[in-house]
């Protein structure tokens, strides 16, 4: 029941958010993306909108990167591979 917007890379995600900020309730980021990785994209999005809700998804994430992002306000993390039900649960939790 959610409407989604796809970005091909981290830079495109930032550009889309900049244009559509008022229409985006949640961002799901992969840690490994071309052009701009998930960590850098997350930081840029937080600069643009400190209240932005972000869930990070990754098959491999260094523990210190994840801890730093959690300290900076990351709302959730989901380990790959995951089932759609697990994704639905974390999205529901973060959106409240």
PDB file of N, CA and C in Angstrom:
ATOM      1  N   UNK A   1       0.795  -1.214   0.000  1.00  0.00           N
ATOM      2  CA  UNK A   1       0.000   0.000   0.000  1.00  0.00           C
ATOM      3  C   UNK A   1       0.829   1.265   0.000  1.00  0.00           C
ATOM      4  N   UNK A   2       2.142   1.151  -0.134  1.00  0.00           N
ATOM      5  CA  UNK A   2       2.988   2.346  -0.154  1.00  0.00           C
ATOM      6  C   UNK A   2       3.298   2.738  -1.591  1.00  0.00           C
ATOM      7  N   UNK A   3       3.398   4.009  -1.822  1.00  0.00           N
ATOM      8  CA  UNK A   3       3.844   4.508  -3.122  1.00  0.00           C
ATOM      9  C   UNK A   3       5.349   4.699  -3.036  1.00  0.00           C
ATOM     10  N   UNK A   4       6.070   4.186  -4.033  1.00  0.00           N
ATOM     11  CA  UNK A   4       7.524   4.253  -3.986  1.00  0.00           C
ATOM     12  C   UNK A   4       8.099   5.028  -5.163  1.00  0.00           C
ATOM     13  N   UNK A   5       9.302   5.536  -4.952  1.00  0.00           N
ATOM     14  CA  UNK A   5      10.080   6.221  -5.979  1.00  0.00           C
ATOM     15  C   UNK A   5      11.449   5.563  -5.979  1.00  0.00           C
ATOM     16  N   UNK A   6      11.947   5.199  -7.143  1.00  0.00           N
ATOM     17  CA  UNK A   6      13.229   4.526  -7.264  1.00  0.00           C
ATOM     18  C   UNK A   6      14.323   5.504  -7.690  1.00  0.00           C
ATOM     19  N   UNK A   7      15.453   5.423  -7.023  1.00  0.00           N
ATOM     20  CA  UNK A   7      16.644   6.166  -7.423  1.00  0.00           C
ATOM     21  C   UNK A   7      17.695   5.145  -7.835  1.00  0.00           C
ATOM     22  N   UNK A   8      18.391   5.397  -8.905  1.00  0.00           N
ATOM     23  CA  UNK A   8      19.405   4.468  -9.414  1.00  0.00           C
ATOM     24  C   UNK A   8      20.707   4.517  -8.623  1.00  0.00           C
ATOM     25  N   UNK A   9      20.951   5.618  -7.917  1.00  0.00           N
ATOM     26  CA  UNK A   9      22.175   5.762  -7.137  1.00  0.00           C
ATOM     27  C   UNK A   9      21.950   6.798  -6.037  1.00  0.00           C
ATOM     28  N   UNK A  10      22.950   6.956  -5.174  1.00  0.00           N
ATOM     29  CA  UNK A  10      22.821   7.879  -4.051  1.00  0.00           C
ATOM     30  C   UNK A  10      22.646   9.324  -4.465  1.00  0.00           C
ATOM     31  N   UNK A  11      23.336   9.759  -5.478  1.00  0.00           N
ATOM     32  CA  UNK A  11      23.206  11.148  -5.946  1.00  0.00           C
ATOM     33  C   UNK A  11      21.802  11.404  -6.455  1.00  0.00           C
ATOM     34  N   UNK A  12      21.265  10.471  -7.230  1.00  0.00           N
ATOM     35  CA  UNK A  12      19.910  10.626  -7.734  1.00  0.00           C
ATOM     36  C   UNK A  12      18.908  10.647  -6.579  1.00  0.00           C
ATOM     37  N   UNK A  13      19.151   9.868  -5.544  1.00  0.00           N
ATOM     38  CA  UNK A  13      18.277   9.869  -4.370  1.00  0.00           C
ATOM     39  C   UNK A  13      18.248  11.248  -3.719  1.00  0.00           C
ATOM     40  N   UNK A  14      19.406  11.866  -3.576  1.00  0.00           N
ATOM     41  CA  UNK A  14      19.481  13.215  -3.007  1.00  0.00           C
ATOM     42  C   UNK A  14      18.735  14.205  -3.895  1.00  0.00           C
ATOM     43  N   UNK A  15      18.937  14.120  -5.199  1.00  0.00           N
ATOM     44  CA  UNK A  15      18.257  15.026  -6.131  1.00  0.00           C
ATOM     45  C   UNK A  15      16.737  14.862  -6.053  1.00  0.00           C
ATOM     46  N   UNK A  16      16.275  13.628  -6.005  1.00  0.00           N
ATOM     47  CA  UNK A  16      14.830  13.373  -5.915  1.00  0.00           C
ATOM     48  C   UNK A  16      14.292  13.921  -4.598  1.00  0.00           C
ATOM     49  N   UNK A  17      14.990  13.664  -3.506  1.00  0.00           N
ATOM     50  CA  UNK A  17      14.524  14.151  -2.208  1.00  0.00           C
ATOM     51  C   UNK A  17      14.466  15.672  -2.187  1.00  0.00           C
ATOM     52  N   UNK A  18      15.441  16.303  -2.802  1.00  0.00           N
ATOM     53  CA  UNK A  18      15.466  17.769  -2.857  1.00  0.00           C
ATOM     54  C   UNK A  18      14.223  18.315  -3.555  1.00  0.00           C
ATOM     55  N   UNK A  19      13.801  17.653  -4.627  1.00  0.00           N
ATOM     56  CA  UNK A  19      12.610  18.084  -5.375  1.00  0.00           C
ATOM     57  C   UNK A  19      11.314  17.697  -4.691  1.00  0.00           C
ATOM     58  N   UNK A  20      11.297  16.545  -4.046  1.00  0.00           N
ATOM     59  CA  UNK A  20      10.049  15.951  -3.548  1.00  0.00           C
ATOM     60  C   UNK A  20       9.957  15.863  -2.025  1.00  0.00           C
ATOM     61  N   UNK A  21      10.772  16.597  -1.315  1.00  0.00           N
ATOM     62  CA  UNK A  21      10.893  16.449   0.133  1.00  0.00           C
ATOM     63  C   UNK A  21       9.544  16.356   0.855  1.00  0.00           C
ATOM     64  N   UNK A  22       8.629  17.205   0.537  1.00  0.00           N
ATOM     65  CA  UNK A  22       7.337  17.215   1.212  1.00  0.00           C
ATOM     66  C   UNK A  22       6.479  15.998   0.921  1.00  0.00           C
ATOM     67  N   UNK A  23       6.840  15.230  -0.092  1.00  0.00           N
ATOM     68  CA  UNK A  23       6.062  14.062  -0.496  1.00  0.00           C
ATOM     69  C   UNK A  23       6.707  12.735  -0.093  1.00  0.00           C
ATOM     70  N   UNK A  24       7.837  12.788   0.576  1.00  0.00           N
ATOM     71  CA  UNK A  24       8.564  11.567   0.934  1.00  0.00           C
ATOM     72  C   UNK A  24       8.570  11.422   2.453  1.00  0.00           C
ATOM     73  N   UNK A  25       8.015  10.304   2.928  1.00  0.00           N
ATOM     74  CA  UNK A  25       7.916  10.051   4.366  1.00  0.00           C
ATOM     75  C   UNK A  25       9.053   9.195   4.902  1.00  0.00           C
ATOM     76  N   UNK A  26       9.710   8.444   4.021  1.00  0.00           N
ATOM     77  CA  UNK A  26      10.724   7.486   4.454  1.00  0.00           C
ATOM     78  C   UNK A  26      11.666   7.195   3.298  1.00  0.00           C
ATOM     79  N   UNK A  27      12.943   7.030   3.619  1.00  0.00           N
ATOM     80  CA  UNK A  27      13.939   6.652   2.614  1.00  0.00           C
ATOM     81  C   UNK A  27      14.546   5.314   3.025  1.00  0.00           C
ATOM     82  N   UNK A  28      14.583   4.381   2.085  1.00  0.00           N
ATOM     83  CA  UNK A  28      15.239   3.087   2.272  1.00  0.00           C
ATOM     84  C   UNK A  28      16.519   3.126   1.443  1.00  0.00           C
ATOM     85  N   UNK A  29      17.661   3.076   2.110  1.00  0.00           N
ATOM     86  CA  UNK A  29      18.959   3.167   1.439  1.00  0.00           C
ATOM     87  C   UNK A  29      19.682   1.841   1.487  1.00  0.00           C
ATOM     88  N   UNK A  30      20.397   1.540   0.419  1.00  0.00           N
ATOM     89  CA  UNK A  30      21.359   0.451   0.426  1.00  0.00           C
ATOM     90  C   UNK A  30      22.701   1.065   0.809  1.00  0.00           C
ATOM     91  N   UNK A  31      23.535   0.334   1.500  1.00  0.00           N
ATOM     92  CA  UNK A  31      24.842   0.874   1.871  1.00  0.00           C
ATOM     93  C   UNK A  31      25.755   0.993   0.657  1.00  0.00           C
ATOM     94  N   UNK A  32      25.661   0.024  -0.262  1.00  0.00           N
ATOM     95  CA  UNK A  32      26.521   0.033  -1.440  1.00  0.00           C
ATOM     96  C   UNK A  32      25.694   0.471  -2.651  1.00  0.00           C
ATOM     97  N   UNK A  33      25.986   1.682  -3.122  1.00  0.00           N
ATOM     98  CA  UNK A  33      25.308   2.243  -4.298  1.00  0.00           C
ATOM     99  C   UNK A  33      26.356   2.940  -5.150  1.00  0.00           C
ATOM    100  N   UNK A  34      26.118   3.027  -6.453  1.00  0.00           N
ATOM    101  CA  UNK A  34      27.056   3.765  -7.299  1.00  0.00           C
ATOM    102  C   UNK A  34      26.955   5.272  -7.054  1.00  0.00           C
ATOM    103  N   UNK A  35      27.947   5.986  -7.485  1.00  0.00           N
ATOM    104  CA  UNK A  35      28.061   7.448  -7.468  1.00  0.00           C
ATOM    105  C   UNK A  35      28.195   7.983  -6.039  1.00  0.00           C
ATOM    106  N   UNK A  36      27.260   7.673  -5.155  1.00  0.00           N
ATOM    107  CA  UNK A  36      27.306   8.114  -3.760  1.00  0.00           C
ATOM    108  C   UNK A  36      26.822   6.951  -2.893  1.00  0.00           C
ATOM    109  N   UNK A  37      27.654   6.497  -1.969  1.00  0.00           N
ATOM    110  CA  UNK A  37      27.273   5.340  -1.153  1.00  0.00           C
ATOM    111  C   UNK A  37      26.186   5.709  -0.139  1.00  0.00           C
ATOM    112  N   UNK A  38      25.660   4.703   0.534  1.00  0.00           N
ATOM    113  CA  UNK A  38      24.567   4.913   1.468  1.00  0.00           C
ATOM    114  C   UNK A  38      24.918   5.813   2.631  1.00  0.00           C
ATOM    115  N   UNK A  39      26.113   5.671   3.151  1.00  0.00           N
ATOM    116  CA  UNK A  39      26.528   6.522   4.280  1.00  0.00           C
ATOM    117  C   UNK A  39      26.584   7.988   3.881  1.00  0.00           C
ATOM    118  N   UNK A  40      27.207   8.293   2.736  1.00  0.00           N
ATOM    119  CA  UNK A  40      27.299   9.686   2.280  1.00  0.00           C
ATOM    120  C   UNK A  40      25.926  10.241   1.910  1.00  0.00           C
ATOM    121  N   UNK A  41      25.104   9.408   1.299  1.00  0.00           N
ATOM    122  CA  UNK A  41      23.745   9.819   0.950  1.00  0.00           C
ATOM    123  C   UNK A  41      22.953  10.138   2.220  1.00  0.00           C
ATOM    124  N   UNK A  42      23.057   9.271   3.218  1.00  0.00           N
ATOM    125  CA  UNK A  42      22.385   9.487   4.493  1.00  0.00           C
ATOM    126  C   UNK A  42      22.797  10.824   5.108  1.00  0.00           C
ATOM    127  N   UNK A  43      24.095  11.093   5.142  1.00  0.00           N
ATOM    128  CA  UNK A  43      24.585  12.349   5.720  1.00  0.00           C
ATOM    129  C   UNK A  43      24.040  13.553   4.969  1.00  0.00           C
ATOM    130  N   UNK A  44      24.041  13.467   3.652  1.00  0.00           N
ATOM    131  CA  UNK A  44      23.524  14.590   2.843  1.00  0.00           C
ATOM    132  C   UNK A  44      22.032  14.789   3.084  1.00  0.00           C
ATOM    133  N   UNK A  45      21.269  13.705   3.140  1.00  0.00           N
ATOM    134  CA  UNK A  45      19.832  13.810   3.396  1.00  0.00           C
ATOM    135  C   UNK A  45      19.573  14.403   4.782  1.00  0.00           C
ATOM    136  N   UNK A  46      20.344  14.011   5.788  1.00  0.00           N
ATOM    137  CA  UNK A  46      20.175  14.560   7.141  1.00  0.00           C
ATOM    138  C   UNK A  46      20.499  16.041   7.184  1.00  0.00           C
ATOM    139  N   UNK A  47      21.467  16.486   6.372  1.00  0.00           N
ATOM    140  CA  UNK A  47      21.772  17.918   6.294  1.00  0.00           C
ATOM    141  C   UNK A  47      20.585  18.682   5.713  1.00  0.00           C
ATOM    142  N   UNK A  48      19.955  18.093   4.719  1.00  0.00           N
ATOM    143  CA  UNK A  48      18.818  18.725   4.066  1.00  0.00           C
ATOM    144  C   UNK A  48      17.595  18.742   4.968  1.00  0.00           C
ATOM    145  N   UNK A  49      17.387  17.664   5.701  1.00  0.00           N
ATOM    146  CA  UNK A  49      16.205  17.501   6.529  1.00  0.00           C
ATOM    147  C   UNK A  49      16.553  16.669   7.766  1.00  0.00           C
ATOM    148  N   UNK A  50      16.877  17.313   8.879  1.00  0.00           N
ATOM    149  CA  UNK A  50      17.279  16.570  10.074  1.00  0.00           C
ATOM    150  C   UNK A  50      16.226  15.581  10.590  1.00  0.00           C
ATOM    151  N   UNK A  51      14.982  15.779  10.256  1.00  0.00           N
ATOM    152  CA  UNK A  51      13.915  14.890  10.739  1.00  0.00           C
ATOM    153  C   UNK A  51      13.610  13.745   9.776  1.00  0.00           C
ATOM    154  N   UNK A  52      14.360  13.635   8.687  1.00  0.00           N
ATOM    155  CA  UNK A  52      14.096  12.588   7.700  1.00  0.00           C
ATOM    156  C   UNK A  52      14.187  11.206   8.346  1.00  0.00           C
ATOM    157  N   UNK A  53      13.284  10.328   7.956  1.00  0.00           N
ATOM    158  CA  UNK A  53      13.302   8.940   8.460  1.00  0.00           C
ATOM    159  C   UNK A  53      13.994   8.062   7.429  1.00  0.00           C
ATOM    160  N   UNK A  54      15.014   7.314   7.889  1.00  0.00           N
ATOM    161  CA  UNK A  54      15.837   6.505   6.988  1.00  0.00           C
ATOM    162  C   UNK A  54      16.036   5.108   7.567  1.00  0.00           C
ATOM    163  N   UNK A  55      15.834   4.118   6.703  1.00  0.00           N
ATOM    164  CA  UNK A  55      16.165   2.731   7.012  1.00  0.00           C
ATOM    165  C   UNK A  55      17.317   2.338   6.094  1.00  0.00           C
ATOM    166  N   UNK A  56      18.320   1.706   6.658  1.00  0.00           N
ATOM    167  CA  UNK A  56      19.469   1.239   5.890  1.00  0.00           C
ATOM    168  C   UNK A  56      19.339  -0.257   5.664  1.00  0.00           C
ATOM    169  N   UNK A  57      19.656  -0.688   4.456  1.00  0.00           N
ATOM    170  CA  UNK A  57      19.652  -2.100   4.098  1.00  0.00           C
ATOM    171  C   UNK A  57      21.030  -2.453   3.576  1.00  0.00           C
ATOM    172  N   UNK A  58      21.548  -3.604   4.017  1.00  0.00           N
ATOM    173  CA  UNK A  58      22.853  -4.010   3.526  1.00  0.00           C
ATOM    174  C   UNK A  58      23.076  -5.492   3.780  1.00  0.00           C
ATOM    175  N   UNK A  59      23.856  -6.093   2.908  1.00  0.00           N
ATOM    176  CA  UNK A  59      24.288  -7.465   3.115  1.00  0.00           C
ATOM    177  C   UNK A  59      25.580  -7.503   3.889  1.00  0.00           C
ATOM    178  N   UNK A  60      26.321  -6.398   3.849  1.00  0.00           N
ATOM    179  CA  UNK A  60      27.574  -6.299   4.583  1.00  0.00           C
ATOM    180  C   UNK A  60      27.768  -4.850   4.990  1.00  0.00           C
ATOM    181  N   UNK A  61      27.832  -4.620   6.272  1.00  0.00           N
ATOM    182  CA  UNK A  61      28.057  -3.274   6.793  1.00  0.00           C
ATOM    183  C   UNK A  61      29.055  -3.360   7.933  1.00  0.00           C
ATOM    184  N   UNK A  62      30.043  -2.491   7.882  1.00  0.00           N
ATOM    185  CA  UNK A  62      30.989  -2.450   9.000  1.00  0.00           C
ATOM    186  C   UNK A  62      30.249  -1.951  10.235  1.00  0.00           C
ATOM    187  N   UNK A  63      30.487  -2.597  11.342  1.00  0.00           N
ATOM    188  CA  UNK A  63      29.793  -2.271  12.591  1.00  0.00           C
ATOM    189  C   UNK A  63      29.971  -0.800  12.971  1.00  0.00           C
ATOM    190  N   UNK A  64      31.175  -0.255  12.790  1.00  0.00           N
ATOM    191  CA  UNK A  64      31.398   1.145  13.165  1.00  0.00           C
ATOM    192  C   UNK A  64      30.615   2.109  12.274  1.00  0.00           C
ATOM    193  N   UNK A  65      30.447   1.759  10.986  1.00  0.00           N
ATOM    194  CA  UNK A  65      29.632   2.601  10.108  1.00  0.00           C
ATOM    195  C   UNK A  65      28.186   2.621  10.583  1.00  0.00           C
ATOM    196  N   UNK A  66      27.678   1.462  10.924  1.00  0.00           N
ATOM    197  CA  UNK A  66      26.297   1.362  11.380  1.00  0.00           C
ATOM    198  C   UNK A  66      26.109   2.127  12.686  1.00  0.00           C
ATOM    199  N   UNK A  67      27.026   1.971  13.619  1.00  0.00           N
ATOM    200  CA  UNK A  67      26.934   2.683  14.908  1.00  0.00           C
ATOM    201  C   UNK A  67      26.976   4.193  14.695  1.00  0.00           C
ATOM    202  N   UNK A  68      27.871   4.662  13.825  1.00  0.00           N
ATOM    203  CA  UNK A  68      27.945   6.103  13.539  1.00  0.00           C
ATOM    204  C   UNK A  68      26.629   6.619  12.965  1.00  0.00           C
ATOM    205  N   UNK A  69      26.057   5.853  12.046  1.00  0.00           N
ATOM    206  CA  UNK A  69      24.797   6.285  11.430  1.00  0.00           C
ATOM    207  C   UNK A  69      23.654   6.254  12.443  1.00  0.00           C
ATOM    208  N   UNK A  70      23.642   5.269  13.322  1.00  0.00           N
ATOM    209  CA  UNK A  70      22.621   5.223  14.374  1.00  0.00           C
ATOM    210  C   UNK A  70      22.742   6.434  15.286  1.00  0.00           C
ATOM    211  N   UNK A  71      23.975   6.812  15.616  1.00  0.00           N
ATOM    212  CA  UNK A  71      24.209   7.997  16.438  1.00  0.00           C
ATOM    213  C   UNK A  71      23.705   9.258  15.739  1.00  0.00           C
ATOM    214  N   UNK A  72      23.806   9.276  14.415  1.00  0.00           N
ATOM    215  CA  UNK A  72      23.372  10.434  13.629  1.00  0.00           C
ATOM    216  C   UNK A  72      21.878  10.414  13.316  1.00  0.00           C
ATOM    217  N   UNK A  73      21.155   9.400  13.812  1.00  0.00           N
ATOM    218  CA  UNK A  73      19.704   9.409  13.662  1.00  0.00           C
ATOM    219  C   UNK A  73      19.116   8.374  12.733  1.00  0.00           C
ATOM    220  N   UNK A  74      19.879   7.369  12.335  1.00  0.00           N
ATOM    221  CA  UNK A  74      19.327   6.302  11.506  1.00  0.00           C
ATOM    222  C   UNK A  74      18.157   5.662  12.239  1.00  0.00           C
ATOM    223  N   UNK A  75      17.040   5.485  11.540  1.00  0.00           N
ATOM    224  CA  UNK A  75      15.822   4.986  12.170  1.00  0.00           C
ATOM    225  C   UNK A  75      15.718   3.470  12.210  1.00  0.00           C
ATOM    226  N   UNK A  76      16.419   2.782  11.329  1.00  0.00           N
ATOM    227  CA  UNK A  76      16.325   1.333  11.314  1.00  0.00           C
ATOM    228  C   UNK A  76      17.349   0.717  10.387  1.00  0.00           C
ATOM    229  N   UNK A  77      17.572  -0.576  10.593  1.00  0.00           N
ATOM    230  CA  UNK A  77      18.504  -1.340   9.760  1.00  0.00           C
ATOM    231  C   UNK A  77      17.869  -2.684   9.471  1.00  0.00           C
ATOM    232  N   UNK A  78      17.971  -3.128   8.223  1.00  0.00           N
ATOM    233  CA  UNK A  78      17.498  -4.449   7.845  1.00  0.00           C
ATOM    234  C   UNK A  78      18.605  -5.145   7.060  1.00  0.00           C
ATOM    235  N   UNK A  79      18.956  -6.327   7.532  1.00  0.00           N
ATOM    236  CA  UNK A  79      20.041  -7.111   6.935  1.00  0.00           C
ATOM    237  C   UNK A  79      19.545  -7.849   5.693  1.00  0.00           C
ATOM    238  N   UNK A  80      20.322  -7.784   4.611  1.00  0.00           N
ATOM    239  CA  UNK A  80      20.013  -8.563   3.411  1.00  0.00           C
ATOM    240  C   UNK A  80      20.537  -9.974   3.595  1.00  0.00           C
ATOM    241  N   UNK A  81      19.930 -10.950   3.043  1.00  0.00           N
ATOM    242  CA  UNK A  81      18.638 -10.891   2.347  1.00  0.00           C
ATOM    243  C   UNK A  81      17.504 -10.835   3.370  1.00  0.00           C
ATOM    244  N   UNK A  82      16.413 -10.228   2.988  1.00  0.00           N
ATOM    245  CA  UNK A  82      15.268 -10.141   3.884  1.00  0.00           C
ATOM    246  C   UNK A  82      13.999 -10.479   3.115  1.00  0.00           C
ATOM    247  N   UNK A  83      12.979 -10.812   3.850  1.00  0.00           N
ATOM    248  CA  UNK A  83      11.673 -11.132   3.267  1.00  0.00           C
ATOM    249  C   UNK A  83      10.825  -9.866   3.242  1.00  0.00           C
ATOM    250  N   UNK A  84       9.878  -9.818   2.341  1.00  0.00           N
ATOM    251  CA  UNK A  84       9.026  -8.630   2.234  1.00  0.00           C
ATOM    252  C   UNK A  84       8.270  -8.374   3.535  1.00  0.00           C
ATOM    253  N   UNK A  85       7.911  -9.430   4.262  1.00  0.00           N
ATOM    254  CA  UNK A  85       7.219  -9.249   5.534  1.00  0.00           C
ATOM    255  C   UNK A  85       8.109  -8.519   6.543  1.00  0.00           C
ATOM    256  N   UNK A  86       9.399  -8.851   6.566  1.00  0.00           N
ATOM    257  CA  UNK A  86      10.338  -8.184   7.474  1.00  0.00           C
ATOM    258  C   UNK A  86      10.496  -6.713   7.103  1.00  0.00           C
ATOM    259  N   UNK A  87      10.576  -6.447   5.808  1.00  0.00           N
ATOM    260  CA  UNK A  87      10.663  -5.064   5.354  1.00  0.00           C
ATOM    261  C   UNK A  87       9.392  -4.314   5.743  1.00  0.00           C
ATOM    262  N   UNK A  88       8.249  -4.930   5.524  1.00  0.00           N
ATOM    263  CA  UNK A  88       6.981  -4.298   5.888  1.00  0.00           C
ATOM    264  C   UNK A  88       6.906  -3.962   7.366  1.00  0.00           C
ATOM    265  N   UNK A  89       7.416  -4.857   8.209  1.00  0.00           N
ATOM    266  CA  UNK A  89       7.400  -4.618   9.656  1.00  0.00           C
ATOM    267  C   UNK A  89       8.254  -3.419  10.042  1.00  0.00           C
ATOM    268  N   UNK A  90       9.463  -3.337   9.504  1.00  0.00           N
ATOM    269  CA  UNK A  90      10.342  -2.230   9.891  1.00  0.00           C
ATOM    270  C   UNK A  90       9.812  -0.907   9.326  1.00  0.00           C
ATOM    271  N   UNK A  91       9.273  -0.929   8.114  1.00  0.00           N
ATOM    272  CA  UNK A  91       8.689   0.294   7.543  1.00  0.00           C
ATOM    273  C   UNK A  91       7.519   0.750   8.417  1.00  0.00           C
ATOM    274  N   UNK A  92       6.649  -0.164   8.790  1.00  0.00           N
ATOM    275  CA  UNK A  92       5.503   0.173   9.648  1.00  0.00           C
ATOM    276  C   UNK A  92       5.966   0.743  10.986  1.00  0.00           C
ATOM    277  N   UNK A  93       6.984   0.133  11.572  1.00  0.00           N
ATOM    278  CA  UNK A  93       7.511   0.602  12.854  1.00  0.00           C
ATOM    279  C   UNK A  93       8.074   2.011  12.744  1.00  0.00           C
ATOM    280  N   UNK A  94       8.889   2.259  11.724  1.00  0.00           N
ATOM    281  CA  UNK A  94       9.522   3.565  11.566  1.00  0.00           C
ATOM    282  C   UNK A  94       8.495   4.647  11.248  1.00  0.00           C
ATOM    283  N   UNK A  95       7.498   4.317  10.440  1.00  0.00           N
ATOM    284  CA  UNK A  95       6.480   5.311  10.103  1.00  0.00           C
ATOM    285  C   UNK A  95       5.497   5.534  11.247  1.00  0.00           C
ATOM    286  N   UNK A  96       5.478   4.583  12.200  1.00  0.00           N
ATOM    287  CA  UNK A  96       4.624   4.744  13.377  1.00  0.00           C
ATOM    288  C   UNK A  96       3.210   4.442  13.059  1.00  0.00           C
TER     289      UNK A  96
END
